Amino acid sequence: MSRVRPGWLVALCGAIVSVSAWLPWLTANGGRVSAIGGVFGDLPAPKGFGVGQLIVLLASFLIVAGAMSARGFSARLASTAALGISVLLVVLAVWYYRLYVYAPVSAGYGLYLGAAIAAVATVLSVWAMVAAWSTVA
């Protein structure tokens, strides 16, 4: 019987967080802004390399860590890294909300989707850690 490989679900969560960065994270009556800085309308985007770009970068690391955990390449280390990355993604999503959501600007559905999937990735990373650390070496 084969063992459970929740690392693939962690990698899927990382891919969904990456895709959610292209969706509207900030909205106002005049426009929308994505996490990576794409603007539609007259809402100004945050300047420079910011929290949104860091979220996309860490989501790609989460894909790699989840796939490594699922394939068994340093599964213990990869699942531990996936847990750390997913917790950091949740913290960064909350930080993004605290930085950029203020009175005329509201959070878009991309922000909620990204934060929720990052939280799911945290739970799945714990499952991946339990699966990786419980196997006999």
N, C-alpha and C. Protein backbone atom coordinates (compact mmCIF):
# COMPACT_ATOMS: atom_id res chain seq x y z
N MET A 1 0.84 -1.18 0.00
CA MET A 1 0.00 0.00 0.00
C MET A 1 0.89 1.24 0.00
N SER A 2 0.56 2.18 -0.84
CA SER A 2 1.37 3.39 -0.92
C SER A 2 0.98 4.36 0.19
N ARG A 3 1.93 5.20 0.54
CA ARG A 3 1.66 6.16 1.61
C ARG A 3 1.00 7.41 1.04
N VAL A 4 0.38 8.14 1.91
CA VAL A 4 -0.30 9.37 1.51
C VAL A 4 0.75 10.44 1.20
N ARG A 5 0.51 11.22 0.15
CA ARG A 5 1.45 12.27 -0.25
C ARG A 5 0.74 13.62 -0.28
N PRO A 6 0.58 14.24 0.89
CA PRO A 6 -0.11 15.53 0.92
C PRO A 6 0.72 16.68 0.37
N GLY A 7 1.98 16.43 0.06
CA GLY A 7 2.82 17.48 -0.51
C GLY A 7 2.28 18.00 -1.83
N TRP A 8 1.61 17.14 -2.60
CA TRP A 8 1.03 17.60 -3.86
C TRP A 8 -0.08 18.61 -3.62
N LEU A 9 -0.83 18.43 -2.54
CA LEU A 9 -1.87 19.40 -2.21
C LEU A 9 -1.26 20.73 -1.77
N VAL A 10 -0.12 20.65 -1.08
CA VAL A 10 0.60 21.87 -0.69
C VAL A 10 1.08 22.60 -1.94
N ALA A 11 1.62 21.86 -2.90
CA ALA A 11 2.07 22.47 -4.16
C ALA A 11 0.90 23.09 -4.92
N LEU A 12 -0.25 22.42 -4.90
CA LEU A 12 -1.43 22.98 -5.55
C LEU A 12 -1.86 24.28 -4.88
N CYS A 13 -1.79 24.33 -3.57
CA CYS A 13 -2.12 25.57 -2.85
C CYS A 13 -1.16 26.69 -3.24
N GLY A 14 0.12 26.37 -3.38
CA GLY A 14 1.08 27.37 -3.82
C GLY A 14 0.76 27.90 -5.21
N ALA A 15 0.32 27.01 -6.10
CA ALA A 15 -0.05 27.44 -7.45
C ALA A 15 -1.29 28.34 -7.41
N ILE A 16 -2.25 28.00 -6.56
CA ILE A 16 -3.46 28.82 -6.47
C ILE A 16 -3.14 30.20 -5.89
N VAL A 17 -2.24 30.26 -4.91
CA VAL A 17 -1.84 31.56 -4.36
C VAL A 17 -1.14 32.39 -5.44
N SER A 18 -0.32 31.75 -6.26
CA SER A 18 0.34 32.47 -7.35
C SER A 18 -0.67 33.03 -8.34
N VAL A 19 -1.66 32.23 -8.69
CA VAL A 19 -2.69 32.69 -9.63
C VAL A 19 -3.54 33.79 -9.00
N SER A 20 -3.82 33.68 -7.70
CA SER A 20 -4.65 34.70 -7.05
C SER A 20 -3.98 36.07 -7.04
N ALA A 21 -2.67 36.10 -7.19
CA ALA A 21 -1.96 37.38 -7.22
C ALA A 21 -2.31 38.20 -8.46
N TRP A 22 -2.83 37.56 -9.49
CA TRP A 22 -3.25 38.27 -10.70
C TRP A 22 -4.67 38.80 -10.57
N LEU A 23 -5.42 38.34 -9.58
CA LEU A 23 -6.79 38.79 -9.36
C LEU A 23 -6.78 40.10 -8.57
N PRO A 24 -7.89 40.82 -8.54
CA PRO A 24 -7.92 42.09 -7.79
C PRO A 24 -7.75 41.89 -6.29
N TRP A 25 -6.73 42.51 -5.73
CA TRP A 25 -6.50 42.46 -4.28
C TRP A 25 -7.00 43.73 -3.62
N LEU A 26 -7.00 44.83 -4.35
CA LEU A 26 -7.51 46.10 -3.84
C LEU A 26 -8.53 46.63 -4.84
N THR A 27 -9.65 47.13 -4.32
CA THR A 27 -10.66 47.71 -5.20
C THR A 27 -11.15 49.03 -4.62
N ALA A 28 -11.54 49.90 -5.51
CA ALA A 28 -12.20 51.16 -5.16
C ALA A 28 -13.17 51.46 -6.29
N ASN A 29 -13.96 52.52 -6.16
CA ASN A 29 -14.93 52.80 -7.21
C ASN A 29 -14.27 53.11 -8.54
N GLY A 30 -13.03 53.51 -8.54
CA GLY A 30 -12.37 53.87 -9.78
C GLY A 30 -11.48 52.81 -10.38
N GLY A 31 -11.18 51.73 -9.69
CA GLY A 31 -10.28 50.76 -10.27
C GLY A 31 -9.96 49.59 -9.36
N ARG A 32 -9.03 48.78 -9.87
CA ARG A 32 -8.59 47.57 -9.16
C ARG A 32 -7.07 47.45 -9.28
N VAL A 33 -6.47 46.85 -8.26
CA VAL A 33 -5.02 46.60 -8.25
C VAL A 33 -4.80 45.15 -7.85
N SER A 34 -3.92 44.46 -8.58
CA SER A 34 -3.57 43.09 -8.22
C SER A 34 -2.36 43.11 -7.28
N ALA A 35 -2.05 41.96 -6.71
CA ALA A 35 -0.93 41.87 -5.76
C ALA A 35 0.41 42.13 -6.43
N ILE A 36 0.51 41.82 -7.71
CA ILE A 36 1.78 42.01 -8.39
C ILE A 36 1.95 43.42 -8.93
N GLY A 37 0.92 44.26 -8.77
CA GLY A 37 1.04 45.65 -9.17
C GLY A 37 0.28 46.02 -10.42
N GLY A 38 -0.47 45.10 -10.99
CA GLY A 38 -1.27 45.42 -12.17
C GLY A 38 -2.43 46.33 -11.80
N VAL A 39 -2.65 47.36 -12.61
CA VAL A 39 -3.66 48.38 -12.31
C VAL A 39 -4.69 48.43 -13.42
N PHE A 40 -5.95 48.51 -13.02
CA PHE A 40 -7.05 48.78 -13.95
C PHE A 40 -7.85 49.93 -13.37
N GLY A 41 -7.90 51.03 -14.07
CA GLY A 41 -8.60 52.20 -13.56
C GLY A 41 -7.63 53.21 -12.97
N ASP A 42 -8.14 54.04 -12.08
CA ASP A 42 -7.32 55.13 -11.54
C ASP A 42 -6.84 54.90 -10.12
N LEU A 43 -6.91 53.70 -9.63
CA LEU A 43 -6.40 53.38 -8.29
C LEU A 43 -4.88 53.23 -8.37
N PRO A 44 -4.10 54.01 -7.62
CA PRO A 44 -2.64 53.90 -7.72
C PRO A 44 -2.13 52.62 -7.07
N ALA A 45 -1.15 52.02 -7.73
CA ALA A 45 -0.54 50.78 -7.22
C ALA A 45 0.58 51.11 -6.24
N PRO A 46 0.86 50.22 -5.30
CA PRO A 46 2.02 50.40 -4.42
C PRO A 46 3.31 50.45 -5.24
N LYS A 47 4.23 51.29 -4.85
CA LYS A 47 5.47 51.50 -5.61
C LYS A 47 6.52 50.45 -5.25
N GLY A 48 7.34 50.09 -6.23
CA GLY A 48 8.49 49.23 -6.01
C GLY A 48 8.15 47.78 -5.74
N PHE A 49 9.18 47.04 -5.33
CA PHE A 49 9.00 45.63 -4.97
C PHE A 49 8.34 45.59 -3.61
N GLY A 50 7.16 45.04 -3.55
CA GLY A 50 6.41 45.10 -2.30
C GLY A 50 5.99 43.75 -1.79
N VAL A 51 5.02 43.80 -0.91
CA VAL A 51 4.53 42.60 -0.24
C VAL A 51 3.89 41.65 -1.25
N GLY A 52 3.16 42.19 -2.22
CA GLY A 52 2.50 41.34 -3.21
C GLY A 52 3.48 40.53 -4.04
N GLN A 53 4.55 41.16 -4.47
CA GLN A 53 5.56 40.44 -5.24
C GLN A 53 6.26 39.39 -4.38
N LEU A 54 6.48 39.71 -3.10
CA LEU A 54 7.09 38.74 -2.20
C LEU A 54 6.17 37.54 -1.98
N ILE A 55 4.87 37.77 -1.94
CA ILE A 55 3.91 36.68 -1.81
C ILE A 55 4.01 35.75 -3.01
N VAL A 56 4.11 36.31 -4.22
CA VAL A 56 4.23 35.48 -5.42
C VAL A 56 5.54 34.69 -5.40
N LEU A 57 6.62 35.32 -4.99
CA LEU A 57 7.91 34.64 -4.90
C LEU A 57 7.85 33.48 -3.91
N LEU A 58 7.28 33.72 -2.74
CA LEU A 58 7.18 32.67 -1.73
C LEU A 58 6.21 31.57 -2.15
N ALA A 59 5.19 31.92 -2.92
CA ALA A 59 4.26 30.90 -3.42
C ALA A 59 4.98 29.94 -4.36
N SER A 60 5.91 30.45 -5.16
CA SER A 60 6.68 29.56 -6.03
C SER A 60 7.61 28.67 -5.21
N PHE A 61 8.16 29.19 -4.12
CA PHE A 61 8.95 28.34 -3.23
C PHE A 61 8.09 27.27 -2.58
N LEU A 62 6.83 27.62 -2.28
CA LEU A 62 5.91 26.65 -1.68
C LEU A 62 5.60 25.52 -2.66
N ILE A 63 5.48 25.85 -3.93
CA ILE A 63 5.26 24.81 -4.95
C ILE A 63 6.42 23.83 -4.96
N VAL A 64 7.63 24.36 -4.93
CA VAL A 64 8.83 23.50 -4.96
C VAL A 64 8.92 22.66 -3.69
N ALA A 65 8.70 23.28 -2.54
CA ALA A 65 8.79 22.53 -1.27
C ALA A 65 7.72 21.45 -1.19
N GLY A 66 6.51 21.76 -1.64
CA GLY A 66 5.45 20.75 -1.63
C GLY A 66 5.75 19.60 -2.57
N ALA A 67 6.27 19.90 -3.75
CA ALA A 67 6.61 18.84 -4.70
C ALA A 67 7.77 17.99 -4.18
N MET A 68 8.76 18.62 -3.56
CA MET A 68 9.87 17.85 -2.99
C MET A 68 9.38 16.93 -1.88
N SER A 69 8.48 17.43 -1.06
CA SER A 69 7.92 16.62 0.02
C SER A 69 7.13 15.45 -0.54
N ALA A 70 6.35 15.69 -1.58
CA ALA A 70 5.53 14.63 -2.17
C ALA A 70 6.38 13.57 -2.85
N ARG A 71 7.46 13.98 -3.50
CA ARG A 71 8.32 13.03 -4.20
C ARG A 71 9.31 12.32 -3.29
N GLY A 72 9.46 12.82 -2.07
CA GLY A 72 10.36 12.17 -1.14
C GLY A 72 11.79 12.68 -1.20
N PHE A 73 12.03 13.79 -1.89
CA PHE A 73 13.36 14.39 -1.92
C PHE A 73 13.53 15.25 -0.68
N SER A 74 14.29 14.77 0.27
CA SER A 74 14.45 15.46 1.55
C SER A 74 13.07 15.82 2.11
N ALA A 75 12.22 14.83 2.23
CA ALA A 75 10.81 15.06 2.58
C ALA A 75 10.66 15.74 3.93
N ARG A 76 11.48 15.38 4.88
CA ARG A 76 11.37 16.00 6.21
C ARG A 76 11.72 17.48 6.15
N LEU A 77 12.82 17.79 5.51
CA LEU A 77 13.25 19.18 5.38
C LEU A 77 12.27 19.98 4.51
N ALA A 78 11.82 19.37 3.42
CA ALA A 78 10.91 20.07 2.50
C ALA A 78 9.56 20.34 3.15
N SER A 79 9.04 19.38 3.91
CA SER A 79 7.75 19.61 4.56
C SER A 79 7.86 20.66 5.67
N THR A 80 9.00 20.68 6.35
CA THR A 80 9.22 21.71 7.36
C THR A 80 9.34 23.09 6.71
N ALA A 81 10.05 23.16 5.59
CA ALA A 81 10.15 24.42 4.85
C ALA A 81 8.79 24.86 4.32
N ALA A 82 7.99 23.90 3.86
CA ALA A 82 6.64 24.23 3.37
C ALA A 82 5.79 24.82 4.48
N LEU A 83 5.92 24.30 5.68
CA LEU A 83 5.16 24.85 6.81
C LEU A 83 5.60 26.28 7.10
N GLY A 84 6.90 26.51 7.14
CA GLY A 84 7.40 27.86 7.39
C GLY A 84 6.98 28.85 6.31
N ILE A 85 7.04 28.42 5.06
CA ILE A 85 6.67 29.29 3.95
C ILE A 85 5.17 29.59 3.98
N SER A 86 4.36 28.58 4.27
CA SER A 86 2.91 28.81 4.27
C SER A 86 2.49 29.72 5.42
N VAL A 87 3.14 29.58 6.58
CA VAL A 87 2.84 30.50 7.69
C VAL A 87 3.27 31.91 7.31
N LEU A 88 4.42 32.04 6.67
CA LEU A 88 4.88 33.35 6.22
C LEU A 88 3.93 33.96 5.19
N LEU A 89 3.35 33.14 4.32
CA LEU A 89 2.38 33.64 3.36
C LEU A 89 1.13 34.20 4.04
N VAL A 90 0.67 33.52 5.08
CA VAL A 90 -0.49 34.03 5.83
C VAL A 90 -0.15 35.36 6.49
N VAL A 91 1.03 35.44 7.10
CA VAL A 91 1.45 36.68 7.76
C VAL A 91 1.57 37.81 6.74
N LEU A 92 2.12 37.53 5.58
CA LEU A 92 2.27 38.57 4.55
C LEU A 92 0.92 39.01 3.99
N ALA A 93 -0.04 38.10 3.87
CA ALA A 93 -1.37 38.48 3.41
C ALA A 93 -2.05 39.41 4.42
N VAL A 94 -1.89 39.11 5.70
CA VAL A 94 -2.44 39.99 6.73
C VAL A 94 -1.73 41.34 6.71
N TRP A 95 -0.42 41.32 6.52
CA TRP A 95 0.35 42.56 6.45
C TRP A 95 -0.08 43.39 5.24
N TYR A 96 -0.30 42.74 4.09
CA TYR A 96 -0.78 43.43 2.90
C TYR A 96 -2.11 44.12 3.19
N TYR A 97 -2.99 43.42 3.87
CA TYR A 97 -4.28 44.00 4.25
C TYR A 97 -4.09 45.22 5.13
N ARG A 98 -3.22 45.09 6.12
CA ARG A 98 -2.99 46.21 7.06
C ARG A 98 -2.33 47.41 6.38
N LEU A 99 -1.50 47.16 5.38
CA LEU A 99 -0.80 48.26 4.71
C LEU A 99 -1.68 49.03 3.73
N TYR A 100 -2.49 48.32 2.95
CA TYR A 100 -3.11 48.94 1.79
C TYR A 100 -4.63 49.08 1.85
N VAL A 101 -5.30 48.43 2.78
CA VAL A 101 -6.76 48.56 2.85
C VAL A 101 -7.09 49.65 3.86
N TYR A 102 -7.60 50.75 3.36
CA TYR A 102 -8.00 51.88 4.18
C TYR A 102 -9.30 52.43 3.62
N ALA A 103 -9.83 53.50 4.20
CA ALA A 103 -11.21 53.96 4.00
C ALA A 103 -11.76 53.88 2.56
N PRO A 104 -11.20 54.54 1.55
CA PRO A 104 -11.86 54.40 0.24
C PRO A 104 -11.49 53.11 -0.49
N VAL A 105 -10.46 52.43 -0.05
CA VAL A 105 -9.98 51.22 -0.72
C VAL A 105 -10.44 50.01 0.08
N SER A 106 -10.99 49.03 -0.62
CA SER A 106 -11.42 47.80 0.06
C SER A 106 -10.64 46.62 -0.50
N ALA A 107 -10.66 45.53 0.24
CA ALA A 107 -9.97 44.32 -0.18
C ALA A 107 -10.77 43.63 -1.27
N GLY A 108 -10.08 43.15 -2.29
CA GLY A 108 -10.72 42.44 -3.38
C GLY A 108 -10.77 40.94 -3.10
N TYR A 109 -11.45 40.23 -3.98
CA TYR A 109 -11.61 38.79 -3.77
C TYR A 109 -10.30 38.04 -3.92
N GLY A 110 -9.34 38.57 -4.64
CA GLY A 110 -8.05 37.91 -4.78
C GLY A 110 -7.29 37.85 -3.46
N LEU A 111 -7.40 38.91 -2.66
CA LEU A 111 -6.75 38.93 -1.35
C LEU A 111 -7.36 37.87 -0.43
N TYR A 112 -8.68 37.80 -0.42
CA TYR A 112 -9.34 36.81 0.42
C TYR A 112 -9.02 35.38 -0.04
N LEU A 113 -9.01 35.17 -1.35
CA LEU A 113 -8.68 33.85 -1.88
C LEU A 113 -7.25 33.47 -1.54
N GLY A 114 -6.31 34.39 -1.75
CA GLY A 114 -4.91 34.10 -1.46
C GLY A 114 -4.67 33.82 0.01
N ALA A 115 -5.28 34.60 0.89
CA ALA A 115 -5.10 34.39 2.33
C ALA A 115 -5.73 33.08 2.78
N ALA A 116 -6.91 32.76 2.26
CA ALA A 116 -7.58 31.52 2.65
C ALA A 116 -6.81 30.29 2.17
N ILE A 117 -6.32 30.33 0.95
CA ILE A 117 -5.56 29.18 0.43
C ILE A 117 -4.22 29.06 1.14
N ALA A 118 -3.62 30.17 1.53
CA ALA A 118 -2.38 30.10 2.32
C ALA A 118 -2.64 29.46 3.67
N ALA A 119 -3.79 29.75 4.27
CA ALA A 119 -4.15 29.10 5.54
C ALA A 119 -4.39 27.61 5.35
N VAL A 120 -5.02 27.24 4.24
CA VAL A 120 -5.21 25.82 3.93
C VAL A 120 -3.86 25.15 3.71
N ALA A 121 -2.94 25.84 3.04
CA ALA A 121 -1.60 25.30 2.82
C ALA A 121 -0.87 25.07 4.14
N THR A 122 -1.13 25.90 5.13
CA THR A 122 -0.51 25.71 6.45
C THR A 122 -0.98 24.40 7.07
N VAL A 123 -2.28 24.15 7.01
CA VAL A 123 -2.82 22.90 7.56
C VAL A 123 -2.30 21.70 6.79
N LEU A 124 -2.27 21.80 5.47
CA LEU A 124 -1.77 20.70 4.65
C LEU A 124 -0.27 20.48 4.86
N SER A 125 0.47 21.53 5.15
CA SER A 125 1.90 21.39 5.43
C SER A 125 2.14 20.64 6.73
N VAL A 126 1.27 20.88 7.70
CA VAL A 126 1.37 20.11 8.95
C VAL A 126 1.11 18.64 8.65
N TRP A 127 0.12 18.35 7.82
CA TRP A 127 -0.17 16.97 7.43
C TRP A 127 1.03 16.37 6.69
N ALA A 128 1.65 17.15 5.80
CA ALA A 128 2.83 16.66 5.08
C ALA A 128 3.98 16.39 6.04
N MET A 129 4.14 17.24 7.06
CA MET A 129 5.19 17.00 8.06
C MET A 129 4.93 15.71 8.83
N VAL A 130 3.70 15.51 9.23
CA VAL A 130 3.36 14.28 9.97
C VAL A 130 3.62 13.07 9.10
N ALA A 131 3.23 13.13 7.82
CA ALA A 131 3.46 12.01 6.91
C ALA A 131 4.95 11.77 6.68
N ALA A 132 5.73 12.84 6.55
CA ALA A 132 7.16 12.69 6.28
C ALA A 132 7.92 12.21 7.50
N TRP A 133 7.57 12.72 8.67
CA TRP A 133 8.31 12.36 9.87
C TRP A 133 7.87 11.02 10.45
N SER A 134 6.73 10.50 10.01
CA SER A 134 6.27 9.22 10.56
C SER A 134 6.75 8.03 9.76
N THR A 135 7.36 8.25 8.59
CA THR A 135 7.85 7.14 7.80
C THR A 135 9.15 6.62 8.40
N VAL A 136 9.36 5.33 8.26
CA VAL A 136 10.58 4.71 8.76
C VAL A 136 11.68 4.93 7.74
N ALA A 137 12.80 5.47 8.20
CA ALA A 137 13.91 5.79 7.28
C ALA A 137 14.65 4.57 6.84
